[in-house]
Amino acid sequence: CRPLPTTRPTIYFSPAMAQPAAKKAKTDEEEAVKTTEEVEEKAEEKTEEPKEPEPPVEHEQDAKPVKGPKITEPVAFHTPDTTMNVMQGLYGNILMPLTDGGLQYFVAAARGSAGLKSGRYAFEVKLIEIMNPADDPQARQRMPQPRHSLRVGFSTASSSLFVGETEDSMCFDMEGAFIHNKTKSICSQKFGVDTVVAVVLNLDATSPNANTISLFSNGMRASQPQPLPDSLKGKTLFPTVAFKNVTVHYNFGPTMIVDLPFSCHTLGSALAKDAVVNPAPAKDAKHEVVFPVCLPDEGTFDWL
């Protein structure tokens, strides 16, 4: 007898049998892509840049035409109301400090001749130049800082010329601070060369910003209105600048160098009822000058 031949069964695979697995893989891939897209869309929604806050509403309104007599004498910096190291230009309303022989370490200051007791007025100061005088290479002490400074503000007639150092004055400085009685609070951005800053003093009782002082830089508001300290309310306030190793140009009017967002009268065009003007000293008047002579390393800076 012959053994029967052994045959192996033949198994055939058709594409139709493998199709469900392919469909499943494709469906999983589509779902994965869809999920990825949703995650990306949500991420884009989360990473959208926040909207910039709207600028504060400007409550200062355009100045109304003034009626009545105005001050007749030009507003200026008289020599008795300046420190000894102030040099005034013959033309162009320029102020600069003496910087030779160690004077670069002293602050120069000057107070204007017209003070305000009511109304809203402005004056401007432009920072023209930053000076860099050479230091003494043999000096054993650390040089006073900062090397450059500029303060613009108001003070009373009897206060110190160094504005911001006493309770009788207030000012803004080039570092962006509002200063009163040696207390600083940052309220604006810094400003530098070629910047025209305007100081607006609002003593108009009918204004929303009554009894405030504001700083503007190149025609744009640089600080919010700062309330007048109680020690300065009801007093006549004179424009005052204090500076070290910088040259400045000042403008009391009658027009502004850079227009503000609103029309504003300048100090030079103030009404007579709103201002007090100190007359210029007589040309033949006699003055007393005190010039200190100090020994080295004997506390000169502390005494001065």
Protein backbone atom coordinates (compact mmCIF):
# COMPACT_ATOMS: atom_id res chain seq x y z
CA CYS A 1 0.00 0.00 0.00
CA ARG A 2 1.17 3.36 -0.84
CA PRO A 3 0.98 6.06 1.82
CA LEU A 4 -1.25 8.91 0.99
CA PRO A 5 0.63 12.08 0.06
CA THR A 6 0.56 14.72 2.74
CA THR A 7 -0.61 18.08 1.49
CA ARG A 8 -0.29 21.37 3.31
CA PRO A 9 -3.23 23.67 3.22
CA THR A 10 -2.70 26.82 1.22
CA ILE A 11 -3.87 30.02 2.85
CA TYR A 12 -4.68 32.97 0.64
CA PHE A 13 -4.70 36.63 1.89
CA SER A 14 -6.84 39.02 0.02
CA PRO A 15 -6.54 42.88 0.21
CA ALA A 16 -10.12 42.95 1.41
CA MET A 17 -9.15 41.10 4.57
CA ALA A 18 -6.38 43.64 5.46
CA GLN A 19 -8.53 46.70 4.69
CA PRO A 20 -10.14 47.08 8.14
CA ALA A 21 -6.72 47.35 9.84
CA ALA A 22 -5.61 50.01 7.35
CA LYS A 23 -8.79 51.96 7.87
CA LYS A 24 -8.30 51.79 11.60
CA ALA A 25 -4.72 53.04 11.34
CA LYS A 26 -5.85 55.85 9.08
CA THR A 27 -8.63 56.84 11.45
CA ASP A 28 -6.25 56.89 14.40
CA GLU A 29 -3.84 59.06 12.42
CA GLU A 30 -6.60 61.51 11.49
CA GLU A 31 -7.73 61.75 15.11
CA ALA A 32 -4.14 62.36 16.21
CA VAL A 33 -3.75 65.15 13.64
CA LYS A 34 -7.07 66.66 14.68
CA THR A 35 -6.10 66.57 18.34
CA THR A 36 -2.75 68.21 17.54
CA GLU A 37 -4.47 70.98 15.59
CA GLU A 38 -6.88 71.63 18.47
CA VAL A 39 -3.99 71.84 20.93
CA GLU A 40 -2.15 74.27 18.65
CA GLU A 41 -5.26 76.42 18.23
CA LYS A 42 -5.74 76.58 22.01
CA ALA A 43 -2.06 77.41 22.45
CA GLU A 44 -2.38 80.23 19.90
CA GLU A 45 -5.41 81.55 21.75
CA LYS A 46 -3.48 81.54 25.02
CA THR A 47 -0.39 83.20 23.51
CA GLU A 48 -2.30 86.10 21.98
CA GLU A 49 -0.69 89.38 23.00
CA PRO A 50 -2.72 91.28 25.59
CA LYS A 51 -4.28 94.48 24.40
CA GLU A 52 -2.50 97.65 25.39
CA PRO A 53 -4.31 99.61 28.06
CA GLU A 54 -6.01 102.74 26.88
CA PRO A 55 -4.16 105.94 27.76
CA PRO A 56 -5.59 107.95 30.66
CA VAL A 57 -8.10 110.61 29.76
CA GLU A 58 -6.54 114.06 29.45
CA HIS A 59 -8.49 116.33 31.77
CA GLU A 60 -6.58 119.48 30.83
CA GLN A 61 -8.65 121.57 28.43
CA ASP A 62 -7.64 124.21 25.91
CA ALA A 63 -6.92 127.54 27.55
CA LYS A 64 -9.51 130.23 27.05
CA PRO A 65 -8.48 133.62 25.65
CA VAL A 66 -7.27 135.81 28.49
CA LYS A 67 -8.83 139.16 29.20
CA GLY A 68 -7.16 141.85 31.24
CA PRO A 69 -3.73 143.37 31.65
CA LYS A 70 -0.71 141.07 31.48
CA ILE A 71 2.63 141.34 33.21
CA THR A 72 4.81 143.82 31.39
CA GLU A 73 8.31 142.98 32.62
CA PRO A 74 9.99 139.99 30.93
CA VAL A 75 10.43 136.91 33.08
CA ALA A 76 14.12 136.26 33.64
CA PHE A 77 16.70 134.86 36.05
CA HIS A 78 18.11 137.78 38.04
CA THR A 79 21.64 137.37 39.38
CA PRO A 80 20.65 137.65 43.07
CA ASP A 81 18.35 134.66 42.54
CA THR A 82 21.07 132.40 41.12
CA THR A 83 24.02 130.56 42.62
CA MET A 84 27.51 131.91 41.99
CA ASN A 85 28.39 129.17 39.49
CA VAL A 86 25.60 130.00 37.04
CA MET A 87 26.58 131.55 33.72
CA GLN A 88 23.84 133.12 31.64
CA GLY A 89 24.18 133.45 27.90
CA LEU A 90 23.85 136.90 26.42
CA TYR A 91 21.53 135.51 23.74
CA GLY A 92 19.23 132.54 23.43
CA ASN A 93 18.12 132.13 27.07
CA ILE A 94 21.00 129.80 27.92
CA LEU A 95 22.08 128.63 31.37
CA MET A 96 25.28 126.69 32.03
CA PRO A 97 27.41 126.00 35.11
CA LEU A 98 31.05 126.79 35.80
CA THR A 99 33.05 123.56 35.67
CA ASP A 100 36.69 124.57 36.23
CA GLY A 101 38.81 123.92 39.30
CA GLY A 102 36.46 121.49 41.02
CA LEU A 103 33.29 123.49 40.36
CA GLN A 104 32.00 120.57 38.29
CA TYR A 105 31.01 118.93 41.58
CA PHE A 106 28.65 121.75 42.57
CA VAL A 107 25.00 122.11 41.62
CA ALA A 108 23.97 125.37 39.95
CA ALA A 109 20.49 126.77 40.51
CA ALA A 110 18.33 129.71 39.46
CA ARG A 111 14.86 131.02 40.28
CA GLY A 112 12.69 132.99 37.86
CA SER A 113 11.51 136.53 38.52
CA ALA A 114 7.76 135.89 38.14
CA GLY A 115 5.70 133.76 40.52
CA LEU A 116 2.22 132.31 40.07
CA LYS A 117 -0.60 132.57 42.59
CA SER A 118 -3.53 131.49 40.40
CA GLY A 119 -4.38 130.30 36.87
CA ARG A 120 -2.70 127.62 34.74
CA TYR A 121 0.64 128.34 33.07
CA ALA A 122 3.69 126.52 31.71
CA PHE A 123 7.38 127.05 31.04
CA GLU A 124 9.85 124.93 29.07
CA VAL A 125 13.43 123.75 29.45
CA LYS A 126 15.47 122.06 26.74
CA LEU A 127 18.51 119.97 27.65
CA ILE A 128 21.10 121.08 25.09
CA GLU A 129 24.37 119.56 26.22
CA ILE A 130 25.81 117.10 28.73
CA MET A 131 29.27 118.21 29.83
CA ASN A 132 32.07 115.87 30.88
CA PRO A 133 34.78 117.90 32.61
CA ALA A 134 37.93 116.04 33.61
CA ASP A 135 38.28 114.83 37.19
CA ASP A 136 41.36 115.43 39.29
CA PRO A 137 43.54 112.30 38.83
CA GLN A 138 45.13 112.86 42.26
CA ALA A 139 41.82 113.04 44.09
CA ARG A 140 41.69 110.53 46.93
CA GLN A 141 37.93 110.68 47.45
CA ARG A 142 35.20 109.12 45.36
CA MET A 143 33.66 111.65 42.99
CA PRO A 144 30.13 112.81 43.91
CA GLN A 145 27.35 111.10 41.97
CA PRO A 146 25.45 111.62 39.77
CA ARG A 147 27.83 113.51 37.48
CA HIS A 148 24.92 115.11 35.58
CA SER A 149 21.59 116.29 36.88
CA LEU A 150 18.70 118.56 35.92
CA ARG A 151 15.68 119.52 38.00
CA VAL A 152 12.76 121.69 36.87
CA GLY A 153 9.97 122.85 39.14
CA PHE A 154 8.68 125.61 41.38
CA SER A 155 9.66 127.13 44.71
CA THR A 156 8.64 129.97 47.00
CA ALA A 157 10.48 133.29 46.94
CA SER A 158 12.26 132.61 50.23
CA SER A 159 13.12 128.95 49.74
CA SER A 160 16.47 127.41 48.93
CA LEU A 161 17.50 127.64 45.29
CA PHE A 162 18.18 123.90 45.32
CA VAL A 163 14.70 122.92 44.26
CA GLY A 164 13.23 119.77 45.80
CA GLU A 165 15.48 119.82 48.86
CA THR A 166 13.06 121.57 51.23
CA GLU A 167 9.35 121.61 51.95
CA ASP A 168 9.11 124.98 50.13
CA SER A 169 9.85 123.57 46.66
CA MET A 170 8.99 120.70 44.30
CA CYS A 171 10.39 119.50 41.00
CA PHE A 172 10.86 116.79 38.40
CA ASP A 173 14.34 115.47 37.60
CA MET A 174 15.88 113.91 34.49
CA GLU A 175 15.73 110.46 36.13
CA GLY A 176 11.93 110.49 36.08
CA ALA A 177 11.30 111.35 39.74
CA PHE A 178 9.05 113.87 41.42
CA ILE A 179 10.89 115.40 44.40
CA HIS A 180 9.64 117.33 47.40
CA ASN A 181 11.50 117.85 50.66
CA LYS A 182 14.16 115.33 49.53
CA THR A 183 11.50 112.62 49.03
CA LYS A 184 11.53 111.03 45.57
CA SER A 185 8.78 109.13 43.79
CA ILE A 186 9.17 107.79 40.26
CA CYS A 187 6.40 109.17 38.05
CA SER A 188 7.78 109.39 34.50
CA GLN A 189 10.41 108.18 32.04
CA LYS A 190 13.96 109.55 31.99
CA PHE A 191 14.82 112.32 29.55
CA GLY A 192 18.11 113.33 27.96
CA VAL A 193 19.76 115.57 25.38
CA ASP A 194 17.53 117.43 22.88
CA THR A 195 14.44 116.79 24.99
CA VAL A 196 12.10 119.71 25.57
CA VAL A 197 10.28 119.33 28.87
CA ALA A 198 7.35 121.51 29.88
CA VAL A 199 6.21 122.01 33.45
CA VAL A 200 2.54 122.89 33.79
CA LEU A 201 1.40 124.39 37.09
CA ASN A 202 -2.38 124.34 37.48
CA LEU A 203 -3.70 126.69 40.16
CA ASP A 204 -7.08 127.14 38.48
CA ALA A 205 -9.72 126.34 41.10
CA THR A 206 -12.30 125.48 38.39
CA SER A 207 -10.10 122.85 36.71
CA PRO A 208 -10.35 119.08 37.39
CA ASN A 209 -6.56 119.19 37.89
CA ALA A 210 -6.55 122.13 40.28
CA ASN A 211 -3.50 122.38 42.55
CA THR A 212 -1.38 119.98 40.51
CA ILE A 213 1.90 120.05 38.63
CA SER A 214 2.57 118.01 35.47
CA LEU A 215 5.56 117.17 33.27
CA PHE A 216 5.44 116.92 29.48
CA SER A 217 8.28 115.62 27.28
CA ASN A 218 8.46 116.75 23.64
CA GLY A 219 4.79 117.65 23.73
CA MET A 220 3.57 114.36 25.24
CA ARG A 221 2.43 113.86 28.81
CA ALA A 222 5.30 112.30 30.77
CA SER A 223 3.67 112.17 34.20
CA GLN A 224 0.21 112.17 35.63
CA PRO A 225 -0.76 115.35 37.52
CA GLN A 226 1.06 115.40 40.85
CA PRO A 227 -0.88 116.98 43.73
CA LEU A 228 0.75 120.01 45.28
CA PRO A 229 2.15 119.31 48.75
CA ASP A 230 0.15 120.94 51.51
CA SER A 231 3.09 123.18 52.38
CA LEU A 232 2.88 124.81 48.93
CA LYS A 233 -0.86 125.30 48.59
CA GLY A 234 -1.95 128.94 48.60
CA LYS A 235 1.60 130.24 48.10
CA THR A 236 3.13 132.16 45.20
CA LEU A 237 5.38 129.75 43.27
CA PHE A 238 8.34 130.73 41.09
CA PRO A 239 9.87 128.62 38.28
CA THR A 240 13.18 127.12 39.44
CA VAL A 241 15.88 125.00 37.81
CA ALA A 242 18.87 123.22 39.36
CA PHE A 243 21.51 121.54 37.20
CA LYS A 244 24.99 120.09 37.21
CA ASN A 245 27.32 119.62 34.20
CA VAL A 246 24.56 120.31 31.67
CA THR A 247 23.63 123.26 29.46
CA VAL A 248 19.96 124.18 29.20
CA HIS A 249 17.76 126.54 27.22
CA TYR A 250 14.71 127.97 28.97
CA ASN A 251 11.53 129.42 27.52
CA PHE A 252 8.98 131.51 29.39
CA GLY A 253 6.99 132.37 26.26
CA PRO A 254 5.05 133.99 24.82
CA THR A 255 4.76 130.82 22.65
CA MET A 256 5.70 127.21 23.35
CA ILE A 257 8.64 125.50 21.63
CA VAL A 258 6.65 122.26 21.39
CA ASP A 259 2.85 122.34 21.48
CA LEU A 260 1.10 120.38 24.20
CA PRO A 261 -2.00 118.19 23.63
CA PHE A 262 -3.98 121.24 24.75
CA SER A 263 -3.37 124.96 24.39
CA CYS A 264 -1.75 126.48 27.47
CA HIS A 265 -0.64 129.99 28.31
CA THR A 266 3.03 130.50 29.12
CA LEU A 267 4.39 132.13 32.23
CA GLY A 268 5.64 135.09 30.20
CA SER A 269 2.07 135.90 29.11
CA ALA A 270 0.48 135.58 32.55
CA LEU A 271 -2.24 137.95 33.65
CA ALA A 272 -1.16 140.55 36.16
CA LYS A 273 -3.79 139.28 38.63
CA ASP A 274 -2.31 135.74 38.44
CA ALA A 275 1.36 136.59 38.93
CA VAL A 276 3.83 138.45 41.10
CA VAL A 277 6.91 139.91 39.40
CA ASN A 278 10.12 140.73 41.21
CA PRO A 279 11.75 143.73 39.54
CA ALA A 280 15.28 143.56 38.25
CA PRO A 281 17.91 144.99 40.62
CA ALA A 282 19.14 148.47 39.88
CA LYS A 283 22.25 148.61 37.75
CA ASP A 284 24.06 150.82 40.28
CA ALA A 285 23.03 148.70 43.27
CA LYS A 286 25.76 147.48 45.61
CA HIS A 287 25.97 143.80 46.51
CA GLU A 288 27.86 141.82 49.10
CA VAL A 289 29.75 138.78 47.84
CA VAL A 290 31.05 136.02 50.08
CA PHE A 291 33.65 133.72 48.52
CA PRO A 292 34.70 130.80 50.75
CA VAL A 293 38.37 129.82 50.93
CA CYS A 294 38.90 126.33 52.37
CA LEU A 295 41.85 124.07 53.14
CA PRO A 296 42.11 120.64 51.49
CA ASP A 297 40.75 117.65 53.40
CA GLU A 298 39.21 119.83 56.09
CA GLY A 299 35.55 119.05 55.46
CA THR A 300 35.04 121.54 52.64
CA PHE A 301 32.31 119.59 50.84
CA ASP A 302 30.41 118.90 54.06
CA TRP A 303 30.53 122.55 55.10
CA LEU A 304 29.47 123.88 51.72
